[in-house]
Amino acid sequence: MATVLIVEDDPINLRVFSKILSKRGKLTVKSTEDVQEVMDVATSGEIDVVLMDVSLSNSFYQGKSVDGIKITQLLKANPHTANLPVILVTAHAMDGDRENFLSQSGADGYISKPVVDHQEFIDRILAVIPNSD
């Protein structure tokens, strides 16, 4: 069973995503918004994909405030986590945001909030996980 790490600062979104992915998607879910924990879990090999909120209000790394774009850049720059799929999840859904966020971060996918179609949400996550068929 694949494991998803959800990096999300909104407790309601976290609960909704966790429930969709675990109950309907039959995926194992971990969550944190602690950046050092994200880096540690990502390098451990325990997870198959990261769902990364773009706007994180409480996340700091090495004393600096960071958002999901920066955390994704850190993951993609590390040889141990560069191939770990990261999907950005954000309420920023203006024209051009998707392309801008993907090019800035190096992420593997983008999903806009709110998530309405639960099966499509699961399918888009499964699509980036190697050997998830």
N, C-alpha and C. Protein backbone atom coordinates (compact mmCIF):
# COMPACT_ATOMS: atom_id res chain seq x y z
N MET A 1 0.85 -1.18 0.00
CA MET A 1 0.00 0.00 0.00
C MET A 1 0.89 1.24 0.00
N ALA A 2 0.57 2.19 -0.87
CA ALA A 2 1.35 3.42 -0.99
C ALA A 2 1.09 4.34 0.21
N THR A 3 2.11 5.16 0.53
CA THR A 3 2.00 6.10 1.64
C THR A 3 2.15 7.52 1.13
N VAL A 4 1.21 8.37 1.56
CA VAL A 4 1.19 9.78 1.17
C VAL A 4 1.57 10.62 2.39
N LEU A 5 2.49 11.57 2.20
CA LEU A 5 2.79 12.55 3.24
C LEU A 5 2.05 13.84 2.87
N ILE A 6 1.15 14.27 3.75
CA ILE A 6 0.41 15.51 3.52
C ILE A 6 1.07 16.62 4.32
N VAL A 7 1.49 17.68 3.63
CA VAL A 7 2.07 18.85 4.27
C VAL A 7 1.02 19.96 4.10
N GLU A 8 0.28 20.20 5.18
CA GLU A 8 -0.89 21.08 5.12
C GLU A 8 -1.06 21.76 6.47
N ASP A 9 -1.30 23.10 6.46
CA ASP A 9 -1.45 23.82 7.73
C ASP A 9 -2.89 24.02 8.16
N ASP A 10 -3.84 23.69 7.29
CA ASP A 10 -5.24 23.85 7.65
C ASP A 10 -5.78 22.51 8.16
N PRO A 11 -6.19 22.45 9.43
CA PRO A 11 -6.63 21.17 10.01
C PRO A 11 -7.84 20.56 9.31
N ILE A 12 -8.73 21.40 8.78
CA ILE A 12 -9.91 20.87 8.08
C ILE A 12 -9.49 20.22 6.76
N ASN A 13 -8.67 20.92 5.98
CA ASN A 13 -8.17 20.33 4.73
C ASN A 13 -7.41 19.04 5.01
N LEU A 14 -6.59 19.05 6.04
CA LEU A 14 -5.82 17.86 6.40
C LEU A 14 -6.75 16.69 6.70
N ARG A 15 -7.78 16.94 7.48
CA ARG A 15 -8.72 15.88 7.85
C ARG A 15 -9.47 15.36 6.61
N VAL A 16 -9.92 16.28 5.76
CA VAL A 16 -10.65 15.88 4.54
C VAL A 16 -9.74 15.06 3.63
N PHE A 17 -8.53 15.56 3.36
CA PHE A 17 -7.60 14.84 2.48
C PHE A 17 -7.26 13.47 3.06
N SER A 18 -7.00 13.42 4.35
CA SER A 18 -6.64 12.15 5.00
C SER A 18 -7.76 11.13 4.86
N LYS A 19 -8.98 11.59 5.10
CA LYS A 19 -10.12 10.68 5.03
C LYS A 19 -10.33 10.17 3.60
N ILE A 20 -10.28 11.07 2.61
CA ILE A 20 -10.45 10.66 1.20
C ILE A 20 -9.39 9.63 0.83
N LEU A 21 -8.14 9.93 1.16
CA LEU A 21 -7.03 9.07 0.73
C LEU A 21 -7.00 7.74 1.47
N SER A 22 -7.32 7.74 2.75
CA SER A 22 -7.26 6.49 3.50
C SER A 22 -8.50 5.63 3.29
N LYS A 23 -9.69 6.23 3.36
CA LYS A 23 -10.92 5.45 3.25
C LYS A 23 -11.22 5.06 1.80
N ARG A 24 -11.24 6.04 0.92
CA ARG A 24 -11.62 5.77 -0.46
C ARG A 24 -10.44 5.31 -1.31
N GLY A 25 -9.26 5.90 -1.06
CA GLY A 25 -8.08 5.57 -1.86
C GLY A 25 -7.29 4.39 -1.33
N LYS A 26 -7.61 3.94 -0.10
CA LYS A 26 -6.89 2.82 0.53
C LYS A 26 -5.38 3.07 0.61
N LEU A 27 -5.01 4.35 0.86
CA LEU A 27 -3.61 4.73 0.99
C LEU A 27 -3.29 4.97 2.46
N THR A 28 -2.05 4.78 2.82
CA THR A 28 -1.58 5.12 4.16
C THR A 28 -1.25 6.62 4.14
N VAL A 29 -1.62 7.32 5.20
CA VAL A 29 -1.43 8.76 5.24
C VAL A 29 -0.60 9.15 6.45
N LYS A 30 0.40 10.00 6.22
CA LYS A 30 1.16 10.64 7.28
C LYS A 30 1.00 12.13 7.05
N SER A 31 1.20 12.92 8.10
CA SER A 31 1.08 14.37 7.91
C SER A 31 2.00 15.11 8.86
N THR A 32 2.46 16.27 8.40
CA THR A 32 3.24 17.19 9.22
C THR A 32 3.35 18.50 8.47
N GLU A 33 3.55 19.58 9.20
CA GLU A 33 3.93 20.82 8.55
C GLU A 33 5.29 21.27 9.08
N ASP A 34 5.92 20.43 9.88
CA ASP A 34 7.26 20.68 10.38
C ASP A 34 8.25 20.34 9.26
N VAL A 35 8.96 21.34 8.78
CA VAL A 35 9.80 21.16 7.59
C VAL A 35 10.93 20.15 7.83
N GLN A 36 11.53 20.17 9.01
CA GLN A 36 12.59 19.20 9.27
C GLN A 36 12.02 17.78 9.25
N GLU A 37 10.83 17.61 9.78
CA GLU A 37 10.19 16.29 9.75
C GLU A 37 9.87 15.89 8.30
N VAL A 38 9.42 16.85 7.49
CA VAL A 38 9.17 16.56 6.07
C VAL A 38 10.46 16.03 5.43
N MET A 39 11.56 16.72 5.66
CA MET A 39 12.84 16.32 5.07
C MET A 39 13.27 14.94 5.58
N ASP A 40 13.11 14.70 6.88
CA ASP A 40 13.50 13.41 7.47
C ASP A 40 12.66 12.27 6.93
N VAL A 41 11.34 12.46 6.88
CA VAL A 41 10.44 11.41 6.39
C VAL A 41 10.70 11.16 4.90
N ALA A 42 10.92 12.23 4.15
CA ALA A 42 11.17 12.09 2.72
C ALA A 42 12.45 11.30 2.45
N THR A 43 13.49 11.55 3.21
CA THR A 43 14.75 10.83 2.98
C THR A 43 14.72 9.41 3.54
N SER A 44 13.76 9.12 4.41
CA SER A 44 13.68 7.79 5.02
C SER A 44 13.22 6.71 4.05
N GLY A 45 12.57 7.12 2.98
CA GLY A 45 12.03 6.15 2.03
C GLY A 45 10.69 5.57 2.46
N GLU A 46 10.09 6.12 3.53
CA GLU A 46 8.82 5.60 4.05
C GLU A 46 7.60 6.06 3.26
N ILE A 47 7.77 7.06 2.39
CA ILE A 47 6.62 7.62 1.67
C ILE A 47 6.81 7.50 0.17
N ASP A 48 5.68 7.50 -0.55
CA ASP A 48 5.70 7.34 -1.99
C ASP A 48 5.37 8.63 -2.74
N VAL A 49 4.73 9.57 -2.07
CA VAL A 49 4.35 10.84 -2.69
C VAL A 49 4.10 11.88 -1.60
N VAL A 50 4.35 13.16 -1.94
CA VAL A 50 4.09 14.25 -1.01
C VAL A 50 2.99 15.14 -1.60
N LEU A 51 1.96 15.42 -0.79
CA LEU A 51 0.95 16.42 -1.13
C LEU A 51 1.35 17.69 -0.41
N MET A 52 1.73 18.72 -1.15
CA MET A 52 2.34 19.91 -0.57
C MET A 52 1.44 21.13 -0.72
N ASP A 53 0.96 21.66 0.39
CA ASP A 53 0.22 22.92 0.35
C ASP A 53 1.21 24.01 -0.04
N VAL A 54 0.80 24.91 -0.93
CA VAL A 54 1.70 25.98 -1.38
C VAL A 54 1.85 27.03 -0.29
N SER A 55 0.76 27.44 0.34
CA SER A 55 0.79 28.51 1.34
C SER A 55 0.80 27.92 2.74
N LEU A 56 1.96 27.86 3.33
CA LEU A 56 2.09 27.34 4.70
C LEU A 56 2.40 28.50 5.63
N SER A 57 1.56 28.72 6.63
CA SER A 57 1.75 29.88 7.50
C SER A 57 2.66 29.61 8.70
N ASN A 58 2.85 28.35 9.05
CA ASN A 58 3.61 28.04 10.27
C ASN A 58 4.88 27.25 10.02
N SER A 59 5.41 27.25 8.81
CA SER A 59 6.54 26.39 8.50
C SER A 59 7.84 27.19 8.42
N PHE A 60 8.81 26.70 9.18
CA PHE A 60 10.12 27.34 9.22
C PHE A 60 11.19 26.29 8.98
N TYR A 61 12.26 26.69 8.30
CA TYR A 61 13.38 25.78 8.06
C TYR A 61 14.66 26.56 8.23
N GLN A 62 15.51 26.09 9.10
CA GLN A 62 16.77 26.75 9.42
C GLN A 62 16.55 28.23 9.76
N GLY A 63 15.50 28.47 10.57
CA GLY A 63 15.21 29.81 11.07
C GLY A 63 14.45 30.72 10.12
N LYS A 64 14.14 30.25 8.92
CA LYS A 64 13.44 31.10 7.95
C LYS A 64 12.05 30.54 7.66
N SER A 65 11.11 31.46 7.46
CA SER A 65 9.76 31.07 7.07
C SER A 65 9.81 30.55 5.64
N VAL A 66 9.20 29.39 5.40
CA VAL A 66 9.20 28.80 4.05
C VAL A 66 7.79 28.39 3.67
N ASP A 67 7.54 28.40 2.35
CA ASP A 67 6.25 27.94 1.83
C ASP A 67 6.45 26.60 1.13
N GLY A 68 5.36 26.08 0.58
CA GLY A 68 5.43 24.78 -0.08
C GLY A 68 6.31 24.78 -1.32
N ILE A 69 6.42 25.93 -1.99
CA ILE A 69 7.30 26.03 -3.16
C ILE A 69 8.75 25.81 -2.72
N LYS A 70 9.15 26.49 -1.66
CA LYS A 70 10.53 26.38 -1.16
C LYS A 70 10.83 24.96 -0.66
N ILE A 71 9.89 24.37 0.06
CA ILE A 71 10.10 23.00 0.56
C ILE A 71 10.25 22.03 -0.61
N THR A 72 9.43 22.21 -1.64
CA THR A 72 9.52 21.36 -2.82
C THR A 72 10.87 21.54 -3.51
N GLN A 73 11.34 22.78 -3.60
CA GLN A 73 12.66 23.04 -4.18
C GLN A 73 13.75 22.31 -3.39
N LEU A 74 13.64 22.34 -2.06
CA LEU A 74 14.62 21.63 -1.22
C LEU A 74 14.59 20.13 -1.48
N LEU A 75 13.37 19.56 -1.58
CA LEU A 75 13.25 18.13 -1.84
C LEU A 75 13.82 17.77 -3.21
N LYS A 76 13.54 18.58 -4.22
CA LYS A 76 13.99 18.30 -5.59
C LYS A 76 15.50 18.52 -5.74
N ALA A 77 16.10 19.35 -4.88
CA ALA A 77 17.54 19.62 -4.95
C ALA A 77 18.37 18.55 -4.23
N ASN A 78 17.73 17.76 -3.39
CA ASN A 78 18.43 16.73 -2.61
C ASN A 78 18.45 15.42 -3.42
N PRO A 79 19.64 14.87 -3.69
CA PRO A 79 19.71 13.65 -4.49
C PRO A 79 18.92 12.48 -3.90
N HIS A 80 18.72 12.46 -2.58
CA HIS A 80 17.99 11.37 -1.93
C HIS A 80 16.47 11.49 -2.10
N THR A 81 15.99 12.70 -2.40
CA THR A 81 14.55 12.91 -2.51
C THR A 81 14.13 13.51 -3.86
N ALA A 82 15.08 13.71 -4.76
CA ALA A 82 14.79 14.37 -6.04
C ALA A 82 13.74 13.63 -6.87
N ASN A 83 13.69 12.31 -6.75
CA ASN A 83 12.74 11.52 -7.54
C ASN A 83 11.42 11.25 -6.81
N LEU A 84 11.29 11.73 -5.59
CA LEU A 84 10.05 11.57 -4.83
C LEU A 84 8.99 12.49 -5.44
N PRO A 85 7.87 11.94 -5.90
CA PRO A 85 6.84 12.79 -6.50
C PRO A 85 6.24 13.77 -5.48
N VAL A 86 6.11 15.02 -5.91
CA VAL A 86 5.49 16.06 -5.09
C VAL A 86 4.35 16.68 -5.90
N ILE A 87 3.17 16.72 -5.29
CA ILE A 87 2.01 17.36 -5.92
C ILE A 87 1.64 18.58 -5.08
N LEU A 88 1.65 19.74 -5.73
CA LEU A 88 1.23 20.96 -5.05
C LEU A 88 -0.29 20.97 -4.94
N VAL A 89 -0.78 21.39 -3.78
CA VAL A 89 -2.21 21.51 -3.56
C VAL A 89 -2.44 22.93 -3.06
N THR A 90 -3.26 23.68 -3.79
CA THR A 90 -3.40 25.09 -3.43
C THR A 90 -4.75 25.67 -3.83
N ALA A 91 -5.15 26.70 -3.10
CA ALA A 91 -6.36 27.44 -3.45
C ALA A 91 -6.03 28.51 -4.48
N HIS A 92 -4.74 28.73 -4.74
CA HIS A 92 -4.33 29.70 -5.78
C HIS A 92 -4.58 29.06 -7.13
N ALA A 93 -5.65 29.47 -7.78
CA ALA A 93 -6.04 28.83 -9.05
C ALA A 93 -6.34 29.86 -10.13
N MET A 94 -5.60 30.95 -10.11
CA MET A 94 -5.76 31.96 -11.14
C MET A 94 -5.05 31.49 -12.41
N ASP A 95 -5.42 32.10 -13.54
CA ASP A 95 -4.74 31.78 -14.79
C ASP A 95 -3.24 31.97 -14.63
N GLY A 96 -2.48 30.95 -15.01
CA GLY A 96 -1.03 31.04 -14.94
C GLY A 96 -0.42 30.52 -13.65
N ASP A 97 -1.22 30.41 -12.57
CA ASP A 97 -0.67 29.94 -11.29
C ASP A 97 -0.09 28.54 -11.41
N ARG A 98 -0.84 27.63 -12.06
CA ARG A 98 -0.40 26.25 -12.19
C ARG A 98 0.99 26.18 -12.83
N GLU A 99 1.14 26.80 -14.00
CA GLU A 99 2.41 26.76 -14.71
C GLU A 99 3.52 27.44 -13.91
N ASN A 100 3.18 28.57 -13.30
CA ASN A 100 4.15 29.32 -12.51
C ASN A 100 4.65 28.51 -11.32
N PHE A 101 3.72 27.93 -10.55
CA PHE A 101 4.10 27.15 -9.37
C PHE A 101 4.90 25.90 -9.76
N LEU A 102 4.48 25.23 -10.83
CA LEU A 102 5.19 24.02 -11.25
C LEU A 102 6.60 24.35 -11.72
N SER A 103 6.77 25.43 -12.48
CA SER A 103 8.11 25.76 -12.96
C SER A 103 9.00 26.26 -11.83
N GLN A 104 8.44 27.02 -10.89
CA GLN A 104 9.23 27.51 -9.74
C GLN A 104 9.70 26.37 -8.84
N SER A 105 8.81 25.41 -8.60
CA SER A 105 9.07 24.40 -7.57
C SER A 105 9.72 23.13 -8.09
N GLY A 106 9.45 22.79 -9.35
CA GLY A 106 9.90 21.50 -9.87
C GLY A 106 8.97 20.36 -9.47
N ALA A 107 7.78 20.70 -8.97
CA ALA A 107 6.82 19.68 -8.54
C ALA A 107 6.34 18.85 -9.72
N ASP A 108 5.77 17.69 -9.39
CA ASP A 108 5.32 16.73 -10.40
C ASP A 108 3.85 16.87 -10.76
N GLY A 109 3.12 17.69 -10.01
CA GLY A 109 1.70 17.85 -10.28
C GLY A 109 1.13 19.00 -9.48
N TYR A 110 -0.13 19.32 -9.79
CA TYR A 110 -0.80 20.47 -9.19
C TYR A 110 -2.28 20.15 -9.09
N ILE A 111 -2.84 20.34 -7.91
CA ILE A 111 -4.28 20.13 -7.70
C ILE A 111 -4.81 21.38 -7.01
N SER A 112 -5.90 21.94 -7.54
CA SER A 112 -6.46 23.13 -6.92
C SER A 112 -7.51 22.74 -5.88
N LYS A 113 -7.57 23.56 -4.82
CA LYS A 113 -8.58 23.40 -3.78
C LYS A 113 -9.74 24.31 -4.12
N PRO A 114 -10.92 23.99 -3.72
CA PRO A 114 -11.30 22.80 -2.97
C PRO A 114 -11.34 21.56 -3.87
N VAL A 115 -11.08 20.42 -3.27
CA VAL A 115 -11.17 19.16 -3.98
C VAL A 115 -12.64 18.75 -4.02
N VAL A 116 -13.20 18.68 -5.22
CA VAL A 116 -14.61 18.36 -5.38
C VAL A 116 -14.79 16.90 -5.80
N ASP A 117 -14.02 16.49 -6.81
CA ASP A 117 -14.11 15.13 -7.33
C ASP A 117 -13.09 14.25 -6.60
N HIS A 118 -13.56 13.50 -5.62
CA HIS A 118 -12.66 12.71 -4.78
C HIS A 118 -11.93 11.64 -5.56
N GLN A 119 -12.61 10.98 -6.50
CA GLN A 119 -11.95 9.92 -7.27
C GLN A 119 -10.86 10.50 -8.17
N GLU A 120 -11.12 11.64 -8.77
CA GLU A 120 -10.09 12.29 -9.60
C GLU A 120 -8.89 12.68 -8.75
N PHE A 121 -9.13 13.17 -7.53
CA PHE A 121 -8.08 13.52 -6.58
C PHE A 121 -7.19 12.30 -6.32
N ILE A 122 -7.80 11.18 -6.01
CA ILE A 122 -7.06 9.94 -5.76
C ILE A 122 -6.30 9.50 -7.02
N ASP A 123 -6.98 9.53 -8.16
CA ASP A 123 -6.36 9.10 -9.42
C ASP A 123 -5.14 9.94 -9.77
N ARG A 124 -5.22 11.24 -9.53
CA ARG A 124 -4.09 12.12 -9.87
C ARG A 124 -2.90 11.86 -8.96
N ILE A 125 -3.16 11.47 -7.73
CA ILE A 125 -2.07 11.13 -6.81
C ILE A 125 -1.46 9.78 -7.21
N LEU A 126 -2.31 8.80 -7.47
CA LEU A 126 -1.83 7.48 -7.87
C LEU A 126 -1.02 7.54 -9.17
N ALA A 127 -1.38 8.46 -10.05
CA ALA A 127 -0.73 8.56 -11.36
C ALA A 127 0.77 8.91 -11.26
N VAL A 128 1.19 9.56 -10.17
CA VAL A 128 2.60 9.93 -10.05
C VAL A 128 3.41 8.96 -9.20
N ILE A 129 2.74 7.98 -8.61
CA ILE A 129 3.44 7.00 -7.78
C ILE A 129 3.91 5.84 -8.66
N PRO A 130 5.22 5.61 -8.71
CA PRO A 130 5.70 4.48 -9.50
C PRO A 130 5.11 3.17 -8.99
N ASN A 131 4.75 2.29 -9.89
CA ASN A 131 4.23 0.95 -9.57
C ASN A 131 2.97 0.97 -8.72
N SER A 132 2.10 1.97 -8.92
CA SER A 132 0.87 2.02 -8.09
C SER A 132 -0.33 1.39 -8.79
N ASP A 133 -0.11 0.71 -9.90
CA ASP A 133 -1.23 0.10 -10.60
C ASP A 133 -1.57 -1.14 -9.90
